[in-house]
Amino acid sequence: MTAALLYDNRKLITDQHEPYLRRFGTMYRDFRTDREWHLFQYYPMFLTRRFVFVGMLVLLINYPEVQCNSFATCSMAMFCYQALAKPFQHQVINVLCCVNEGILSGI
């Protein structure tokens, strides 16, 4: 649902539509607003990742090795997305997010 909302309203975001940005602007303030669709997929990926984490904690309670491997795989996938897409405007935030995901992948 979040992905559909972002995809449908990406023109309002990129064209700096004032009423829309007044209501939802804080969600996009630090993101690059190029017209590339993958930049708007940060929140859907983030929410999906959280949902997968919760599901794994509940459903795989007796398999800690699978949980650890799945967490590391999800962190590595998010690291790759952030390193390749660079969704944030400021380079410092992109680097910080990549470092955080790299540390999570290594733990």
PDB file of N, CA and C in Angstrom:
ATOM      1  N   MET A   1       0.819  -1.180   0.000  1.00  0.00           N
ATOM      2  CA  MET A   1       0.000   0.000   0.000  1.00  0.00           C
ATOM      3  C   MET A   1       0.871   1.255   0.000  1.00  0.00           C
ATOM      4  N   THR A   2       1.938   1.235   0.790  1.00  0.00           N
ATOM      5  CA  THR A   2       2.840   2.380   0.821  1.00  0.00           C
ATOM      6  C   THR A   2       3.502   2.586  -0.529  1.00  0.00           C
ATOM      7  N   ALA A   3       3.919   1.486  -1.163  1.00  0.00           N
ATOM      8  CA  ALA A   3       4.553   1.595  -2.478  1.00  0.00           C
ATOM      9  C   ALA A   3       3.595   2.185  -3.495  1.00  0.00           C
ATOM     10  N   ALA A   4       2.341   1.776  -3.456  1.00  0.00           N
ATOM     11  CA  ALA A   4       1.355   2.313  -4.390  1.00  0.00           C
ATOM     12  C   ALA A   4       1.105   3.792  -4.131  1.00  0.00           C
ATOM     13  N   LEU A   5       1.011   4.185  -2.870  1.00  0.00           N
ATOM     14  CA  LEU A   5       0.809   5.584  -2.521  1.00  0.00           C
ATOM     15  C   LEU A   5       1.969   6.440  -3.017  1.00  0.00           C
ATOM     16  N   LEU A   6       3.185   5.979  -2.794  1.00  0.00           N
ATOM     17  CA  LEU A   6       4.349   6.733  -3.234  1.00  0.00           C
ATOM     18  C   LEU A   6       4.442   6.789  -4.756  1.00  0.00           C
ATOM     19  N   TYR A   7       4.149   5.677  -5.405  1.00  0.00           N
ATOM     20  CA  TYR A   7       4.239   5.631  -6.861  1.00  0.00           C
ATOM     21  C   TYR A   7       3.197   6.545  -7.502  1.00  0.00           C
ATOM     22  N   ASP A   8       1.981   6.532  -6.969  1.00  0.00           N
ATOM     23  CA  ASP A   8       0.920   7.364  -7.527  1.00  0.00           C
ATOM     24  C   ASP A   8       1.181   8.856  -7.320  1.00  0.00           C
ATOM     25  N   ASN A   9       1.840   9.221  -6.236  1.00  0.00           N
ATOM     26  CA  ASN A   9       2.035  10.628  -5.902  1.00  0.00           C
ATOM     27  C   ASN A   9       3.439  11.137  -6.196  1.00  0.00           C
ATOM     28  N   ARG A  10       4.235  10.385  -6.927  1.00  0.00           N
ATOM     29  CA  ARG A  10       5.610  10.811  -7.174  1.00  0.00           C
ATOM     30  C   ARG A  10       5.679  12.093  -7.985  1.00  0.00           C
ATOM     31  N   LYS A  11       4.712  12.348  -8.859  1.00  0.00           N
ATOM     32  CA  LYS A  11       4.698  13.583  -9.644  1.00  0.00           C
ATOM     33  C   LYS A  11       4.451  14.785  -8.733  1.00  0.00           C
ATOM     34  N   LEU A  12       3.585  14.622  -7.734  1.00  0.00           N
ATOM     35  CA  LEU A  12       3.347  15.707  -6.786  1.00  0.00           C
ATOM     36  C   LEU A  12       4.599  16.028  -5.985  1.00  0.00           C
ATOM     37  N   ILE A  13       5.381  15.007  -5.688  1.00  0.00           N
ATOM     38  CA  ILE A  13       6.604  15.207  -4.912  1.00  0.00           C
ATOM     39  C   ILE A  13       7.673  15.886  -5.769  1.00  0.00           C
ATOM     40  N   THR A  14       7.886  15.366  -6.976  1.00  0.00           N
ATOM     41  CA  THR A  14       8.955  15.903  -7.828  1.00  0.00           C
ATOM     42  C   THR A  14       8.629  17.294  -8.345  1.00  0.00           C
ATOM     43  N   ASP A  15       7.348  17.617  -8.501  1.00  0.00           N
ATOM     44  CA  ASP A  15       6.967  18.948  -8.974  1.00  0.00           C
ATOM     45  C   ASP A  15       6.809  19.951  -7.842  1.00  0.00           C
ATOM     46  N   GLN A  16       7.123  19.533  -6.624  1.00  0.00           N
ATOM     47  CA  GLN A  16       7.042  20.393  -5.443  1.00  0.00           C
ATOM     48  C   GLN A  16       5.635  20.974  -5.271  1.00  0.00           C
ATOM     49  N   HIS A  17       4.627  20.121  -5.343  1.00  0.00           N
ATOM     50  CA  HIS A  17       3.228  20.511  -5.165  1.00  0.00           C
ATOM     51  C   HIS A  17       3.024  20.931  -3.711  1.00  0.00           C
ATOM     52  N   GLU A  18       2.756  22.212  -3.481  1.00  0.00           N
ATOM     53  CA  GLU A  18       2.760  22.788  -2.139  1.00  0.00           C
ATOM     54  C   GLU A  18       1.763  22.147  -1.160  1.00  0.00           C
ATOM     55  N   PRO A  19       0.468  21.971  -1.504  1.00  0.00           N
ATOM     56  CA  PRO A  19      -0.449  21.359  -0.516  1.00  0.00           C
ATOM     57  C   PRO A  19      -0.053  19.935  -0.138  1.00  0.00           C
ATOM     58  N   TYR A  20       0.426  19.157  -1.106  1.00  0.00           N
ATOM     59  CA  TYR A  20       0.826  17.780  -0.810  1.00  0.00           C
ATOM     60  C   TYR A  20       2.059  17.770   0.087  1.00  0.00           C
ATOM     61  N   LEU A  21       3.037  18.617  -0.220  1.00  0.00           N
ATOM     62  CA  LEU A  21       4.261  18.653   0.581  1.00  0.00           C
ATOM     63  C   LEU A  21       4.011  19.192   1.979  1.00  0.00           C
ATOM     64  N   ARG A  22       3.028  20.060   2.130  1.00  0.00           N
ATOM     65  CA  ARG A  22       2.694  20.554   3.461  1.00  0.00           C
ATOM     66  C   ARG A  22       2.167  19.422   4.344  1.00  0.00           C
ATOM     67  N   ARG A  23       1.437  18.488   3.738  1.00  0.00           N
ATOM     68  CA  ARG A  23       0.879  17.374   4.507  1.00  0.00           C
ATOM     69  C   ARG A  23       1.874  16.244   4.709  1.00  0.00           C
ATOM     70  N   PHE A  24       2.638  15.905   3.661  1.00  0.00           N
ATOM     71  CA  PHE A  24       3.489  14.713   3.702  1.00  0.00           C
ATOM     72  C   PHE A  24       4.963  15.009   3.448  1.00  0.00           C
ATOM     73  N   GLY A  25       5.354  16.254   3.458  1.00  0.00           N
ATOM     74  CA  GLY A  25       6.713  16.640   3.085  1.00  0.00           C
ATOM     75  C   GLY A  25       7.806  16.089   3.963  1.00  0.00           C
ATOM     76  N   THR A  26       7.520  15.872   5.242  1.00  0.00           N
ATOM     77  CA  THR A  26       8.571  15.369   6.130  1.00  0.00           C
ATOM     78  C   THR A  26       8.998  13.956   5.766  1.00  0.00           C
ATOM     79  N   MET A  27       8.114  13.208   5.086  1.00  0.00           N
ATOM     80  CA  MET A  27       8.495  11.861   4.653  1.00  0.00           C
ATOM     81  C   MET A  27       9.558  11.899   3.559  1.00  0.00           C
ATOM     82  N   TYR A  28       9.618  12.985   2.806  1.00  0.00           N
ATOM     83  CA  TYR A  28      10.492  13.058   1.636  1.00  0.00           C
ATOM     84  C   TYR A  28      11.577  14.108   1.752  1.00  0.00           C
ATOM     85  N   ARG A  29      11.659  14.806   2.866  1.00  0.00           N
ATOM     86  CA  ARG A  29      12.554  15.951   2.986  1.00  0.00           C
ATOM     87  C   ARG A  29      14.011  15.596   2.693  1.00  0.00           C
ATOM     88  N   ASP A  30      14.500  14.488   3.190  1.00  0.00           N
ATOM     89  CA  ASP A  30      15.909  14.135   3.020  1.00  0.00           C
ATOM     90  C   ASP A  30      16.184  13.265   1.798  1.00  0.00           C
ATOM     91  N   PHE A  31      15.155  12.892   1.059  1.00  0.00           N
ATOM     92  CA  PHE A  31      15.331  12.022  -0.100  1.00  0.00           C
ATOM     93  C   PHE A  31      15.565  12.823  -1.372  1.00  0.00           C
ATOM     94  N   ARG A  32      16.323  12.215  -2.259  1.00  0.00           N
ATOM     95  CA  ARG A  32      16.461  12.799  -3.593  1.00  0.00           C
ATOM     96  C   ARG A  32      15.110  12.692  -4.284  1.00  0.00           C
ATOM     97  N   THR A  33      14.736  13.707  -5.002  1.00  0.00           N
ATOM     98  CA  THR A  33      13.432  13.697  -5.664  1.00  0.00           C
ATOM     99  C   THR A  33      13.593  13.629  -7.169  1.00  0.00           C
ATOM    100  N   ASP A  34      14.563  12.848  -7.615  1.00  0.00           N
ATOM    101  CA  ASP A  34      14.678  12.588  -9.049  1.00  0.00           C
ATOM    102  C   ASP A  34      13.439  11.818  -9.483  1.00  0.00           C
ATOM    103  N   ARG A  35      13.279  11.689 -10.754  1.00  0.00           N
ATOM    104  CA  ARG A  35      12.100  10.982 -11.252  1.00  0.00           C
ATOM    105  C   ARG A  35      12.315   9.466 -11.333  1.00  0.00           C
ATOM    106  N   GLU A  36      13.345   8.960 -10.728  1.00  0.00           N
ATOM    107  CA  GLU A  36      13.613   7.526 -10.747  1.00  0.00           C
ATOM    108  C   GLU A  36      12.762   6.835  -9.686  1.00  0.00           C
ATOM    109  N   TRP A  37      12.079   5.780 -10.075  1.00  0.00           N
ATOM    110  CA  TRP A  37      11.124   5.113  -9.188  1.00  0.00           C
ATOM    111  C   TRP A  37      11.791   4.438  -8.007  1.00  0.00           C
ATOM    112  N   HIS A  38      13.020   3.952  -8.165  1.00  0.00           N
ATOM    113  CA  HIS A  38      13.636   3.189  -7.079  1.00  0.00           C
ATOM    114  C   HIS A  38      14.000   4.062  -5.881  1.00  0.00           C
ATOM    115  N   LEU A  39      14.086   5.376  -6.064  1.00  0.00           N
ATOM    116  CA  LEU A  39      14.380   6.246  -4.927  1.00  0.00           C
ATOM    117  C   LEU A  39      13.202   6.339  -3.963  1.00  0.00           C
ATOM    118  N   PHE A  40      12.010   6.112  -4.474  1.00  0.00           N
ATOM    119  CA  PHE A  40      10.817   6.183  -3.639  1.00  0.00           C
ATOM    120  C   PHE A  40      10.498   4.853  -2.974  1.00  0.00           C
ATOM    121  N   GLN A  41      11.329   3.864  -3.142  1.00  0.00           N
ATOM    122  CA  GLN A  41      11.063   2.541  -2.583  1.00  0.00           C
ATOM    123  C   GLN A  41      11.734   2.312  -1.235  1.00  0.00           C
ATOM    124  N   TYR A  42      12.337   3.332  -0.658  1.00  0.00           N
ATOM    125  CA  TYR A  42      13.011   3.161   0.629  1.00  0.00           C
ATOM    126  C   TYR A  42      12.024   2.772   1.730  1.00  0.00           C
ATOM    127  N   TYR A  43      10.944   3.523   1.873  1.00  0.00           N
ATOM    128  CA  TYR A  43       9.971   3.220   2.923  1.00  0.00           C
ATOM    129  C   TYR A  43       9.278   1.885   2.716  1.00  0.00           C
ATOM    130  N   PRO A  44       8.823   1.561   1.509  1.00  0.00           N
ATOM    131  CA  PRO A  44       8.234   0.228   1.344  1.00  0.00           C
ATOM    132  C   PRO A  44       9.212  -0.895   1.675  1.00  0.00           C
ATOM    133  N   MET A  45      10.487  -0.737   1.287  1.00  0.00           N
ATOM    134  CA  MET A  45      11.486  -1.761   1.618  1.00  0.00           C
ATOM    135  C   MET A  45      11.716  -1.823   3.119  1.00  0.00           C
ATOM    136  N   PHE A  46      11.771  -0.663   3.754  1.00  0.00           N
ATOM    137  CA  PHE A  46      11.979  -0.607   5.197  1.00  0.00           C
ATOM    138  C   PHE A  46      10.830  -1.288   5.940  1.00  0.00           C
ATOM    139  N   LEU A  47       9.594  -0.992   5.550  1.00  0.00           N
ATOM    140  CA  LEU A  47       8.432  -1.589   6.211  1.00  0.00           C
ATOM    141  C   LEU A  47       8.346  -3.089   5.939  1.00  0.00           C
ATOM    142  N   THR A  48       8.666  -3.501   4.717  1.00  0.00           N
ATOM    143  CA  THR A  48       8.667  -4.923   4.386  1.00  0.00           C
ATOM    144  C   THR A  48       9.716  -5.654   5.200  1.00  0.00           C
ATOM    145  N   ARG A  49      10.858  -5.042   5.354  1.00  0.00           N
ATOM    146  CA  ARG A  49      11.930  -5.648   6.141  1.00  0.00           C
ATOM    147  C   ARG A  49      11.508  -5.845   7.594  1.00  0.00           C
ATOM    148  N   ARG A  50      10.865  -4.844   8.163  1.00  0.00           N
ATOM    149  CA  ARG A  50      10.379  -4.966   9.547  1.00  0.00           C
ATOM    150  C   ARG A  50       9.349  -6.076   9.671  1.00  0.00           C
ATOM    151  N   PHE A  51       8.457  -6.164   8.697  1.00  0.00           N
ATOM    152  CA  PHE A  51       7.435  -7.209   8.705  1.00  0.00           C
ATOM    153  C   PHE A  51       8.086  -8.588   8.618  1.00  0.00           C
ATOM    154  N   VAL A  52       9.095  -8.727   7.782  1.00  0.00           N
ATOM    155  CA  VAL A  52       9.809 -10.008   7.659  1.00  0.00           C
ATOM    156  C   VAL A  52      10.526 -10.340   8.969  1.00  0.00           C
ATOM    157  N   PHE A  53      11.144  -9.358   9.597  1.00  0.00           N
ATOM    158  CA  PHE A  53      11.813  -9.600  10.879  1.00  0.00           C
ATOM    159  C   PHE A  53      10.831 -10.117  11.925  1.00  0.00           C
ATOM    160  N   VAL A  54       9.700  -9.485  12.047  1.00  0.00           N
ATOM    161  CA  VAL A  54       8.706  -9.907  13.036  1.00  0.00           C
ATOM    162  C   VAL A  54       8.197 -11.309  12.707  1.00  0.00           C
ATOM    163  N   GLY A  55       7.923 -11.551  11.435  1.00  0.00           N
ATOM    164  CA  GLY A  55       7.461 -12.880  11.031  1.00  0.00           C
ATOM    165  C   GLY A  55       8.473 -13.961  11.341  1.00  0.00           C
ATOM    166  N   MET A  56       9.744 -13.671  11.092  1.00  0.00           N
ATOM    167  CA  MET A  56      10.782 -14.660  11.379  1.00  0.00           C
ATOM    168  C   MET A  56      10.919 -14.909  12.880  1.00  0.00           C
ATOM    169  N   LEU A  57      10.792 -13.855  13.674  1.00  0.00           N
ATOM    170  CA  LEU A  57      10.894 -14.031  15.126  1.00  0.00           C
ATOM    171  C   LEU A  57       9.758 -14.890  15.669  1.00  0.00           C
ATOM    172  N   VAL A  58       8.584 -14.745  15.085  1.00  0.00           N
ATOM    173  CA  VAL A  58       7.428 -15.496  15.568  1.00  0.00           C
ATOM    174  C   VAL A  58       7.407 -16.915  14.996  1.00  0.00           C
ATOM    175  N   LEU A  59       7.615 -17.041  13.701  1.00  0.00           N
ATOM    176  CA  LEU A  59       7.450 -18.339  13.043  1.00  0.00           C
ATOM    177  C   LEU A  59       8.664 -19.259  13.169  1.00  0.00           C
ATOM    178  N   LEU A  60       9.837 -18.687  13.284  1.00  0.00           N
ATOM    179  CA  LEU A  60      11.056 -19.502  13.329  1.00  0.00           C
ATOM    180  C   LEU A  60      11.691 -19.489  14.713  1.00  0.00           C
ATOM    181  N   ILE A  61      10.863 -19.530  15.720  1.00  0.00           N
ATOM    182  CA  ILE A  61      11.359 -19.412  17.093  1.00  0.00           C
ATOM    183  C   ILE A  61      12.304 -20.557  17.469  1.00  0.00           C
ATOM    184  N   ASN A  62      12.124 -21.720  16.871  1.00  0.00           N
ATOM    185  CA  ASN A  62      12.971 -22.871  17.201  1.00  0.00           C
ATOM    186  C   ASN A  62      14.181 -23.022  16.285  1.00  0.00           C
ATOM    187  N   TYR A  63      14.394 -22.072  15.398  1.00  0.00           N
ATOM    188  CA  TYR A  63      15.493 -22.151  14.424  1.00  0.00           C
ATOM    189  C   TYR A  63      16.331 -20.870  14.461  1.00  0.00           C
ATOM    190  N   PRO A  64      17.145 -20.694  15.496  1.00  0.00           N
ATOM    191  CA  PRO A  64      17.917 -19.454  15.611  1.00  0.00           C
ATOM    192  C   PRO A  64      18.953 -19.272  14.494  1.00  0.00           C
ATOM    193  N   GLU A  65      19.477 -20.377  13.950  1.00  0.00           N
ATOM    194  CA  GLU A  65      20.457 -20.254  12.868  1.00  0.00           C
ATOM    195  C   GLU A  65      19.804 -19.670  11.619  1.00  0.00           C
ATOM    196  N   VAL A  66      18.606 -20.110  11.321  1.00  0.00           N
ATOM    197  CA  VAL A  66      17.872 -19.596  10.159  1.00  0.00           C
ATOM    198  C   VAL A  66      17.542 -18.121  10.372  1.00  0.00           C
ATOM    199  N   GLN A  67      17.169 -17.763  11.598  1.00  0.00           N
ATOM    200  CA  GLN A  67      16.885 -16.362  11.903  1.00  0.00           C
ATOM    201  C   GLN A  67      18.112 -15.484  11.667  1.00  0.00           C
ATOM    202  N   CYS A  68      19.251 -15.913  12.184  1.00  0.00           N
ATOM    203  CA  CYS A  68      20.483 -15.129  12.025  1.00  0.00           C
ATOM    204  C   CYS A  68      20.870 -14.986  10.558  1.00  0.00           C
ATOM    205  N   ASN A  69      20.805 -16.076   9.820  1.00  0.00           N
ATOM    206  CA  ASN A  69      21.141 -16.014   8.400  1.00  0.00           C
ATOM    207  C   ASN A  69      20.161 -15.132   7.628  1.00  0.00           C
ATOM    208  N   SER A  70      18.891 -15.208   7.973  1.00  0.00           N
ATOM    209  CA  SER A  70      17.893 -14.386   7.298  1.00  0.00           C
ATOM    210  C   SER A  70      18.084 -12.913   7.627  1.00  0.00           C
ATOM    211  N   PHE A  71      18.378 -12.601   8.884  1.00  0.00           N
ATOM    212  CA  PHE A  71      18.634 -11.218   9.262  1.00  0.00           C
ATOM    213  C   PHE A  71      19.847 -10.666   8.516  1.00  0.00           C
ATOM    214  N   ALA A  72      20.902 -11.455   8.437  1.00  0.00           N
ATOM    215  CA  ALA A  72      22.105 -11.008   7.727  1.00  0.00           C
ATOM    216  C   ALA A  72      21.825 -10.817   6.236  1.00  0.00           C
ATOM    217  N   THR A  73      21.039 -11.693   5.645  1.00  0.00           N
ATOM    218  CA  THR A  73      20.691 -11.564   4.232  1.00  0.00           C
ATOM    219  C   THR A  73      19.857 -10.310   3.979  1.00  0.00           C
ATOM    220  N   CYS A  74      18.886 -10.053   4.853  1.00  0.00           N
ATOM    221  CA  CYS A  74      18.072  -8.836   4.708  1.00  0.00           C
ATOM    222  C   CYS A  74      18.924  -7.579   4.869  1.00  0.00           C
ATOM    223  N   SER A  75      19.833  -7.591   5.811  1.00  0.00           N
ATOM    224  CA  SER A  75      20.720  -6.443   6.014  1.00  0.00           C
ATOM    225  C   SER A  75      21.628  -6.233   4.816  1.00  0.00           C
ATOM    226  N   MET A  76      22.126  -7.327   4.235  1.00  0.00           N
ATOM    227  CA  MET A  76      22.982  -7.211   3.055  1.00  0.00           C
ATOM    228  C   MET A  76      22.189  -6.683   1.858  1.00  0.00           C
ATOM    229  N   ALA A  77      20.946  -7.113   1.718  1.00  0.00           N
ATOM    230  CA  ALA A  77      20.106  -6.610   0.623  1.00  0.00           C
ATOM    231  C   ALA A  77      19.840  -5.121   0.794  1.00  0.00           C
ATOM    232  N   MET A  78      19.565  -4.685   2.011  1.00  0.00           N
ATOM    233  CA  MET A  78      19.333  -3.256   2.262  1.00  0.00           C
ATOM    234  C   MET A  78      20.616  -2.464   2.050  1.00  0.00           C
ATOM    235  N   PHE A  79      21.754  -3.036   2.427  1.00  0.00           N
ATOM    236  CA  PHE A  79      23.042  -2.392   2.190  1.00  0.00           C
ATOM    237  C   PHE A  79      23.264  -2.180   0.690  1.00  0.00           C
ATOM    238  N   CYS A  80      22.998  -3.212  -0.101  1.00  0.00           N
ATOM    239  CA  CYS A  80      23.165  -3.104  -1.552  1.00  0.00           C
ATOM    240  C   CYS A  80      22.240  -2.046  -2.135  1.00  0.00           C
ATOM    241  N   TYR A  81      20.990  -2.013  -1.686  1.00  0.00           N
ATOM    242  CA  TYR A  81      20.052  -0.996  -2.171  1.00  0.00           C
ATOM    243  C   TYR A  81      20.559   0.401  -1.846  1.00  0.00           C
ATOM    244  N   GLN A  82      20.984   0.610  -0.606  1.00  0.00           N
ATOM    245  CA  GLN A  82      21.430   1.942  -0.202  1.00  0.00           C
ATOM    246  C   GLN A  82      22.728   2.340  -0.892  1.00  0.00           C
ATOM    247  N   ALA A  83      23.617   1.376  -1.109  1.00  0.00           N
ATOM    248  CA  ALA A  83      24.887   1.685  -1.766  1.00  0.00           C
ATOM    249  C   ALA A  83      24.692   1.989  -3.253  1.00  0.00           C
ATOM    250  N   LEU A  84      23.769   1.300  -3.892  1.00  0.00           N
ATOM    251  CA  LEU A  84      23.561   1.499  -5.324  1.00  0.00           C
ATOM    252  C   LEU A  84      22.599   2.643  -5.639  1.00  0.00           C
ATOM    253  N   ALA A  85      21.517   2.754  -4.893  1.00  0.00           N
ATOM    254  CA  ALA A  85      20.500   3.767  -5.196  1.00  0.00           C
ATOM    255  C   ALA A  85      20.848   5.134  -4.605  1.00  0.00           C
ATOM    256  N   LYS A  86      21.530   5.151  -3.481  1.00  0.00           N
ATOM    257  CA  LYS A  86      21.834   6.397  -2.771  1.00  0.00           C
ATOM    258  C   LYS A  86      20.589   7.275  -2.696  1.00  0.00           C
ATOM    259  N   PRO A  87      19.579   6.836  -1.920  1.00  0.00           N
ATOM    260  CA  PRO A  87      18.293   7.521  -1.935  1.00  0.00           C
ATOM    261  C   PRO A  87      18.258   8.880  -1.235  1.00  0.00           C
ATOM    262  N   PHE A  88      19.268   9.207  -0.442  1.00  0.00           N
ATOM    263  CA  PHE A  88      19.232  10.457   0.316  1.00  0.00           C
ATOM    264  C   PHE A  88      19.977  11.565  -0.423  1.00  0.00           C
ATOM    265  N   GLN A  89      19.576  12.812  -0.161  1.00  0.00           N
ATOM    266  CA  GLN A  89      20.211  13.963  -0.803  1.00  0.00           C
ATOM    267  C   GLN A  89      21.637  14.163  -0.309  1.00  0.00           C
ATOM    268  N   HIS A  90      21.839  14.026   0.979  1.00  0.00           N
ATOM    269  CA  HIS A  90      23.150  14.296   1.568  1.00  0.00           C
ATOM    270  C   HIS A  90      23.985  13.021   1.594  1.00  0.00           C
ATOM    271  N   GLN A  91      25.191  13.121   1.125  1.00  0.00           N
ATOM    272  CA  GLN A  91      26.073  11.962   1.023  1.00  0.00           C
ATOM    273  C   GLN A  91      26.395  11.371   2.391  1.00  0.00           C
ATOM    274  N   VAL A  92      26.445  12.210   3.409  1.00  0.00           N
ATOM    275  CA  VAL A  92      26.757  11.734   4.757  1.00  0.00           C
ATOM    276  C   VAL A  92      25.694  10.740   5.236  1.00  0.00           C
ATOM    277  N   ILE A  93      24.446  11.020   4.960  1.00  0.00           N
ATOM    278  CA  ILE A  93      23.369  10.112   5.384  1.00  0.00           C
ATOM    279  C   ILE A  93      23.465   8.791   4.624  1.00  0.00           C
ATOM    280  N   ASN A  94      23.784   8.850   3.324  1.00  0.00           N
ATOM    281  CA  ASN A  94      23.956   7.620   2.545  1.00  0.00           C
ATOM    282  C   ASN A  94      25.076   6.760   3.110  1.00  0.00           C
ATOM    283  N   VAL A  95      26.192   7.381   3.418  1.00  0.00           N
ATOM    284  CA  VAL A  95      27.342   6.641   3.962  1.00  0.00           C
ATOM    285  C   VAL A  95      27.004   6.077   5.339  1.00  0.00           C
ATOM    286  N   LEU A  96      26.351   6.871   6.177  1.00  0.00           N
ATOM    287  CA  LEU A  96      25.993   6.413   7.516  1.00  0.00           C
ATOM    288  C   LEU A  96      25.051   5.211   7.462  1.00  0.00           C
ATOM    289  N   CYS A  97      24.068   5.257   6.593  1.00  0.00           N
ATOM    290  CA  CYS A  97      23.140   4.125   6.456  1.00  0.00           C
ATOM    291  C   CYS A  97      23.864   2.885   5.944  1.00  0.00           C
ATOM    292  N   CYS A  98      24.782   3.051   5.009  1.00  0.00           N
ATOM    293  CA  CYS A  98      25.549   1.911   4.500  1.00  0.00           C
ATOM    294  C   CYS A  98      26.432   1.313   5.592  1.00  0.00           C
ATOM    295  N   VAL A  99      27.062   2.159   6.387  1.00  0.00           N
ATOM    296  CA  VAL A  99      27.901   1.673   7.486  1.00  0.00           C
ATOM    297  C   VAL A  99      27.041   0.913   8.504  1.00  0.00           C
ATOM    298  N   ASN A 100      25.869   1.466   8.825  1.00  0.00           N
ATOM    299  CA  ASN A 100      24.978   0.788   9.775  1.00  0.00           C
ATOM    300  C   ASN A 100      24.559  -0.586   9.269  1.00  0.00           C
ATOM    301  N   GLU A 101      24.175  -0.663   8.018  1.00  0.00           N
ATOM    302  CA  GLU A 101      23.762  -1.954   7.445  1.00  0.00           C
ATOM    303  C   GLU A 101      24.942  -2.918   7.353  1.00  0.00           C
ATOM    304  N   GLY A 102      26.118  -2.391   7.049  1.00  0.00           N
ATOM    305  CA  GLY A 102      27.306  -3.244   6.999  1.00  0.00           C
ATOM    306  C   GLY A 102      27.637  -3.837   8.354  1.00  0.00           C
ATOM    307  N   ILE A 103      27.492  -3.035   9.403  1.00  0.00           N
ATOM    308  CA  ILE A 103      27.746  -3.522  10.752  1.00  0.00           C
ATOM    309  C   ILE A 103      26.707  -4.566  11.133  1.00  0.00           C
ATOM    310  N   LEU A 104      25.428  -4.325  10.802  1.00  0.00           N
ATOM    311  CA  LEU A 104      24.387  -5.301  11.093  1.00  0.00           C
ATOM    312  C   LEU A 104      24.601  -6.607  10.338  1.00  0.00           C
ATOM    313  N   SER A 105      25.097  -6.508   9.115  1.00  0.00           N
ATOM    314  CA  SER A 105      25.349  -7.717   8.326  1.00  0.00           C
ATOM    315  C   SER A 105      26.494  -8.536   8.935  1.00  0.00           C
ATOM    316  N   GLY A 106      27.451  -7.862   9.512  1.00  0.00           N
ATOM    317  CA  GLY A 106      28.609  -8.541  10.076  1.00  0.00           C
ATOM    318  C   GLY A 106      28.378  -9.146  11.443  1.00  0.00           C
ATOM    319  N   ILE A 107      27.368  -8.711  12.127  1.00  0.00           N
ATOM    320  CA  ILE A 107      27.090  -9.225  13.472  1.00  0.00           C
ATOM    321  C   ILE A 107      26.464 -10.534  13.363  1.00  0.00           C
TER     322      ILE A 107
END
